[in-house]
Amino acid sequence: MVVASVSAVRPTATKRKNRRKESRKAPRVAGVDEDMAAGGPSGSAAPLPDAVSPADEDDALMIDDAAAAALPSAGGAAPSFPPLSPRAALAAGAAAKSETRRIPVPPHRMTPLKKEWVGLFGPLTELLGLQVRMNVARRCVEVRTSRHTKEVGALQKGADFVKAFTLGFDVNDAIALLRMDDLYLDSFEVKDVKTLHGDHLSRAIGRIAGQDGKTKFTIENASRTRIILADTKIHILGSFQNIKIARDAIVSLILGSPPGKVYAGLRTVASRMRQRAI
């Protein structure tokens, strides 16, 4: 009987790759390593680009001949320019570009505007040197600066003048905006002070106007302002301090103060204004 002995065969150990060494190797590009090793394609090292000198950079700058002529020379003094007057500056700006302002006119003020047009555009053209026209299709007044405009703020003054007329002020009262610098327009509504409806709103407006306009005239004379009552809107023309006095009196009437109490307060304020004027 033959017994075959089988010896256990051990598996051969596989070689591990050294991944750390492989990661350190840089990838080789065909045709590049050979050139670098040989010192370039022709066997010599590739020359580096020359550094740009400051003189070359200065030569690259282009300077306008006119600007270069305006610059002062190294040994000469700085150029002196004469002062420019505001009128000359405005004329130069107007020659380049003229400004236009369009003031809308309510429908109920178109008829008074046509009647008072001669007295309206006269001060704008003579005092301010503006160009004015009435655009009936758009229902507005267009004001534009020209080379005859005398002041820088003439356009704003002209717009305020036309705006005051469209609100209901007389031309003789609105023209004060052109002659004086400290006059302003202030507008507010009754509902801005207190929310009123129906008969309460009507009585508030009646307290402001008074019998035959007596209360309104008293406030105007005491505060040296002009007041327009247009339904629920109130417009005041005057200086800043005077507008505040008139507005406080009107607010007191809207809130329900009796006219006699408001008159007493206006007398006190008027006496103080006289003392300050003295």
Protein backbone atom coordinates (compact mmCIF):
# COMPACT_ATOMS: atom_id res chain seq x y z
CA MET A 1 0.00 0.00 0.00
CA VAL A 2 1.52 3.26 -1.12
CA VAL A 3 0.83 6.42 0.87
CA ALA A 4 1.32 9.68 -0.98
CA SER A 5 2.35 12.54 1.19
CA VAL A 6 1.27 15.98 0.02
CA SER A 7 3.21 18.85 1.42
CA ALA A 8 1.29 22.06 2.08
CA VAL A 9 2.21 24.69 -0.40
CA ARG A 10 2.46 28.15 1.07
CA PRO A 11 1.23 31.04 -1.08
CA THR A 12 4.03 33.24 -2.33
CA ALA A 13 3.94 36.69 -0.82
CA THR A 14 3.18 39.43 -3.37
CA LYS A 15 5.39 42.47 -3.44
CA ARG A 16 3.76 45.63 -2.15
CA LYS A 17 4.23 48.70 -4.21
CA ASN A 18 5.74 51.67 -2.47
CA ARG A 19 3.00 54.21 -3.03
CA ARG A 20 4.94 56.93 -1.22
CA LYS A 21 7.82 56.67 -3.70
CA GLU A 22 5.44 56.67 -6.65
CA SER A 23 3.68 59.79 -5.45
CA ARG A 24 6.98 61.63 -5.17
CA LYS A 25 7.84 60.99 -8.79
CA ALA A 26 6.84 63.88 -11.04
CA PRO A 27 5.06 63.04 -14.26
CA ARG A 28 7.26 63.11 -17.25
CA VAL A 29 6.22 64.83 -20.41
CA ALA A 30 7.57 63.57 -23.65
CA GLY A 31 10.04 65.91 -25.26
CA VAL A 32 10.35 68.24 -22.30
CA ASP A 33 12.69 66.39 -19.95
CA GLU A 34 15.11 65.71 -22.76
CA ASP A 35 15.24 69.39 -23.68
CA MET A 36 15.73 70.44 -20.08
CA ALA A 37 18.47 67.90 -19.61
CA ALA A 38 20.20 69.04 -22.77
CA GLY A 39 19.83 72.71 -21.80
CA GLY A 40 17.11 73.63 -24.27
CA PRO A 41 16.32 72.50 -27.75
CA SER A 42 19.70 73.64 -29.03
CA GLY A 43 21.59 72.45 -26.01
CA SER A 44 21.89 75.85 -24.32
CA ALA A 45 19.91 77.26 -21.36
CA ALA A 46 16.82 79.31 -22.30
CA PRO A 47 17.50 83.03 -21.72
CA LEU A 48 15.26 84.93 -19.27
CA PRO A 49 13.32 87.98 -20.51
CA ASP A 50 15.10 91.27 -19.93
CA ALA A 51 13.74 93.49 -17.15
CA VAL A 52 11.79 96.55 -18.39
CA SER A 53 13.61 99.69 -17.46
CA PRO A 54 11.74 102.75 -16.11
CA ALA A 55 12.87 104.75 -19.12
CA ASP A 56 11.01 102.39 -21.45
CA GLU A 57 7.85 102.76 -19.36
CA ASP A 58 8.09 106.55 -19.57
CA ASP A 59 8.49 106.34 -23.32
CA ALA A 60 5.31 104.30 -23.52
CA LEU A 61 3.21 107.05 -21.93
CA MET A 62 1.45 109.33 -24.36
CA ILE A 63 0.99 112.93 -23.21
CA ASP A 64 -1.20 115.34 -25.10
CA ASP A 65 0.68 118.26 -26.56
CA ALA A 66 -1.94 120.76 -25.41
CA ALA A 67 -1.91 119.38 -21.86
CA ALA A 68 1.88 119.36 -21.84
CA ALA A 69 1.95 122.99 -22.96
CA ALA A 70 -0.43 123.98 -20.15
CA LEU A 71 1.82 122.44 -17.51
CA PRO A 72 4.28 124.83 -15.88
CA SER A 73 7.92 124.46 -16.70
CA ALA A 74 10.36 123.15 -14.13
CA GLY A 75 11.97 126.53 -13.57
CA GLY A 76 8.92 128.79 -14.18
CA ALA A 77 6.18 129.88 -11.80
CA ALA A 78 2.75 128.29 -11.56
CA PRO A 79 0.16 129.64 -14.02
CA SER A 80 -2.33 132.16 -12.67
CA PHE A 81 -5.93 132.16 -13.89
CA PRO A 82 -8.30 135.13 -13.42
CA PRO A 83 -11.35 134.55 -11.17
CA LEU A 84 -14.48 133.45 -12.98
CA SER A 85 -17.63 135.42 -12.17
CA PRO A 86 -20.85 133.50 -11.38
CA ARG A 87 -22.59 135.06 -14.36
CA ALA A 88 -19.82 133.97 -16.73
CA ALA A 89 -19.88 130.47 -15.28
CA LEU A 90 -23.66 130.30 -15.67
CA ALA A 91 -23.44 131.60 -19.24
CA ALA A 92 -20.83 128.98 -20.07
CA GLY A 93 -22.99 126.24 -18.55
CA ALA A 94 -26.10 127.52 -20.32
CA ALA A 95 -24.27 127.54 -23.64
CA ALA A 96 -23.36 123.89 -23.15
CA LYS A 97 -26.68 122.69 -21.72
CA SER A 98 -29.84 124.54 -20.66
CA GLU A 99 -32.00 123.32 -17.77
CA THR A 100 -35.75 123.04 -18.12
CA ARG A 101 -38.47 122.89 -15.46
CA ARG A 102 -42.09 121.95 -16.14
CA ILE A 103 -44.75 123.17 -13.64
CA PRO A 104 -48.18 121.49 -13.93
CA VAL A 105 -51.26 123.71 -13.82
CA PRO A 106 -54.56 122.45 -12.33
CA PRO A 107 -57.58 122.62 -14.65
CA HIS A 108 -59.34 125.29 -12.57
CA ARG A 109 -56.27 127.57 -12.81
CA MET A 110 -55.91 127.54 -16.59
CA THR A 111 -58.38 130.42 -17.10
CA PRO A 112 -56.72 132.70 -14.48
CA LEU A 113 -53.34 131.78 -15.99
CA LYS A 114 -54.43 132.96 -19.43
CA LYS A 115 -55.80 136.21 -17.99
CA GLU A 116 -52.67 136.97 -15.94
CA TRP A 117 -50.15 135.63 -18.45
CA VAL A 118 -48.70 139.04 -19.32
CA GLY A 119 -48.05 139.86 -15.67
CA LEU A 120 -46.72 136.35 -15.06
CA PHE A 121 -44.03 135.94 -17.70
CA GLY A 122 -42.82 139.57 -17.45
CA PRO A 123 -40.96 139.18 -14.12
CA LEU A 124 -39.56 135.81 -15.21
CA THR A 125 -37.98 137.20 -18.36
CA GLU A 126 -36.96 140.64 -17.08
CA LEU A 127 -35.80 139.90 -13.52
CA LEU A 128 -34.43 136.38 -13.96
CA GLY A 129 -33.67 136.21 -17.68
CA LEU A 130 -35.55 132.93 -18.18
CA GLN A 131 -37.39 131.62 -21.21
CA VAL A 132 -41.06 130.83 -20.50
CA ARG A 133 -43.87 129.31 -22.51
CA MET A 134 -47.36 127.99 -21.79
CA ASN A 135 -47.97 124.43 -23.01
CA VAL A 136 -51.75 124.26 -23.36
CA ALA A 137 -51.75 120.66 -24.59
CA ARG A 138 -49.95 119.40 -21.48
CA ARG A 139 -51.50 122.04 -19.20
CA CYS A 140 -48.20 123.18 -17.79
CA VAL A 141 -45.77 126.09 -17.83
CA GLU A 142 -42.25 125.36 -19.07
CA VAL A 143 -39.34 127.45 -17.80
CA ARG A 144 -35.83 127.22 -19.25
CA THR A 145 -32.49 128.91 -18.58
CA SER A 146 -30.71 130.91 -21.26
CA ARG A 147 -27.53 132.90 -21.76
CA HIS A 148 -29.30 135.92 -20.25
CA THR A 149 -29.96 134.15 -16.93
CA LYS A 150 -28.36 136.18 -14.15
CA GLU A 151 -28.41 133.90 -11.09
CA VAL A 152 -27.63 130.25 -10.50
CA GLY A 153 -30.87 129.71 -8.54
CA ALA A 154 -33.03 131.63 -11.00
CA LEU A 155 -34.69 128.48 -12.33
CA GLN A 156 -35.81 127.39 -8.86
CA LYS A 157 -37.11 130.87 -8.06
CA GLY A 158 -39.08 130.95 -11.29
CA ALA A 159 -40.57 127.52 -10.61
CA ASP A 160 -41.64 128.61 -7.10
CA PHE A 161 -43.19 131.77 -8.52
CA VAL A 162 -45.31 129.85 -11.02
CA LYS A 163 -46.14 127.21 -8.41
CA ALA A 164 -47.41 129.89 -6.01
CA PHE A 165 -49.72 131.27 -8.72
CA THR A 166 -51.08 127.81 -9.54
CA LEU A 167 -51.88 127.29 -5.85
CA GLY A 168 -54.08 130.39 -5.86
CA PHE A 169 -51.86 133.28 -4.71
CA ASP A 170 -52.10 136.65 -6.41
CA VAL A 171 -49.35 137.65 -8.83
CA ASN A 172 -48.41 140.65 -6.67
CA ASP A 173 -47.99 138.36 -3.65
CA ALA A 174 -46.14 135.63 -5.53
CA ILE A 175 -43.68 138.08 -7.08
CA ALA A 176 -42.17 138.54 -3.61
CA LEU A 177 -40.58 135.10 -4.08
CA LEU A 178 -38.44 136.61 -6.85
CA ARG A 179 -37.39 139.72 -4.94
CA MET A 180 -36.65 138.13 -1.53
CA ASP A 181 -34.59 135.07 -0.67
CA ASP A 182 -36.14 134.04 2.67
CA LEU A 183 -39.70 133.33 1.48
CA TYR A 184 -41.09 129.82 1.24
CA LEU A 185 -44.28 127.89 0.46
CA ASP A 186 -45.85 125.51 2.96
CA SER A 187 -48.86 123.28 2.27
CA PHE A 188 -50.79 120.84 4.44
CA GLU A 189 -54.29 119.40 4.78
CA VAL A 190 -56.82 119.42 7.58
CA LYS A 191 -56.64 115.63 7.89
CA ASP A 192 -52.89 115.92 8.60
CA VAL A 193 -53.82 117.63 11.87
CA LYS A 194 -56.98 115.74 12.79
CA THR A 195 -59.17 113.23 10.98
CA LEU A 196 -62.54 114.91 10.46
CA HIS A 197 -65.53 113.99 8.29
CA GLY A 198 -68.82 115.55 7.23
CA ASP A 199 -70.06 118.52 9.22
CA HIS A 200 -67.08 118.40 11.59
CA LEU A 201 -64.74 119.04 8.65
CA SER A 202 -66.95 121.87 7.36
CA ARG A 203 -67.01 123.56 10.77
CA ALA A 204 -63.20 123.30 11.05
CA ILE A 205 -62.78 125.04 7.68
CA GLY A 206 -65.34 127.65 8.74
CA ARG A 207 -63.40 128.37 11.96
CA ILE A 208 -60.23 128.97 9.90
CA ALA A 209 -61.95 131.34 7.46
CA GLY A 210 -64.22 133.10 9.95
CA GLN A 211 -67.18 135.31 9.08
CA ASP A 212 -66.47 137.01 5.75
CA GLY A 213 -62.85 135.83 6.02
CA LYS A 214 -62.20 137.83 9.19
CA THR A 215 -60.19 135.13 10.99
CA LYS A 216 -58.01 134.40 7.96
CA PHE A 217 -57.23 138.09 7.44
CA THR A 218 -56.36 138.49 11.12
CA ILE A 219 -53.90 135.58 10.98
CA GLU A 220 -52.35 137.00 7.80
CA ASN A 221 -51.86 140.48 9.24
CA ALA A 222 -50.56 139.24 12.60
CA SER A 223 -48.07 136.75 11.11
CA ARG A 224 -47.22 138.75 7.95
CA THR A 225 -48.09 135.86 5.66
CA ARG A 226 -50.55 135.03 2.90
CA ILE A 227 -52.96 132.11 3.31
CA ILE A 228 -55.01 130.22 0.70
CA LEU A 229 -57.88 127.92 1.70
CA ALA A 230 -58.49 125.45 -1.12
CA ASP A 231 -61.12 123.02 0.17
CA THR A 232 -59.27 120.87 2.74
CA LYS A 233 -55.81 122.10 1.67
CA ILE A 234 -54.10 125.11 3.24
CA HIS A 235 -51.21 126.97 1.57
CA ILE A 236 -49.07 129.54 3.41
CA LEU A 237 -46.59 131.96 1.83
CA GLY A 238 -44.05 133.77 4.01
CA SER A 239 -40.78 133.47 5.90
CA PHE A 240 -39.92 130.41 7.96
CA GLN A 241 -40.71 131.97 11.35
CA ASN A 242 -43.91 133.63 10.13
CA ILE A 243 -45.13 130.41 8.55
CA LYS A 244 -44.70 128.66 11.89
CA ILE A 245 -46.80 131.31 13.67
CA ALA A 246 -49.62 131.09 11.12
CA ARG A 247 -49.55 127.31 11.08
CA ASP A 248 -49.79 127.08 14.88
CA ALA A 249 -52.83 129.38 14.86
CA ILE A 250 -54.55 127.35 12.13
CA VAL A 251 -53.81 124.07 13.91
CA SER A 252 -55.37 125.44 17.11
CA LEU A 253 -58.52 126.35 15.19
CA ILE A 254 -58.72 122.90 13.61
CA LEU A 255 -58.38 121.22 17.01
CA GLY A 256 -61.35 123.22 18.30
CA SER A 257 -59.91 126.28 20.05
CA PRO A 258 -62.30 129.28 20.06
CA PRO A 259 -61.28 132.18 17.79
CA GLY A 260 -61.03 134.57 20.74
CA LYS A 261 -58.28 132.51 22.35
CA VAL A 262 -56.39 132.33 19.05
CA TYR A 263 -56.68 136.13 18.64
CA ALA A 264 -55.16 136.64 22.10
CA GLY A 265 -52.21 134.43 21.19
CA LEU A 266 -51.71 136.29 17.92
CA ARG A 267 -51.69 139.64 19.72
CA THR A 268 -48.95 138.39 22.04
CA VAL A 269 -46.89 137.08 19.15
CA ALA A 270 -47.38 140.28 17.15
CA SER A 271 -46.21 142.44 20.08
CA ARG A 272 -43.08 140.30 20.46
CA MET A 273 -42.33 140.62 16.77
CA ARG A 274 -42.59 144.42 17.01
CA GLN A 275 -40.21 144.49 19.98
CA ARG A 276 -37.68 142.37 18.10
CA ALA A 277 -37.94 144.67 15.09
CA ILE A 278 -37.19 147.69 17.29
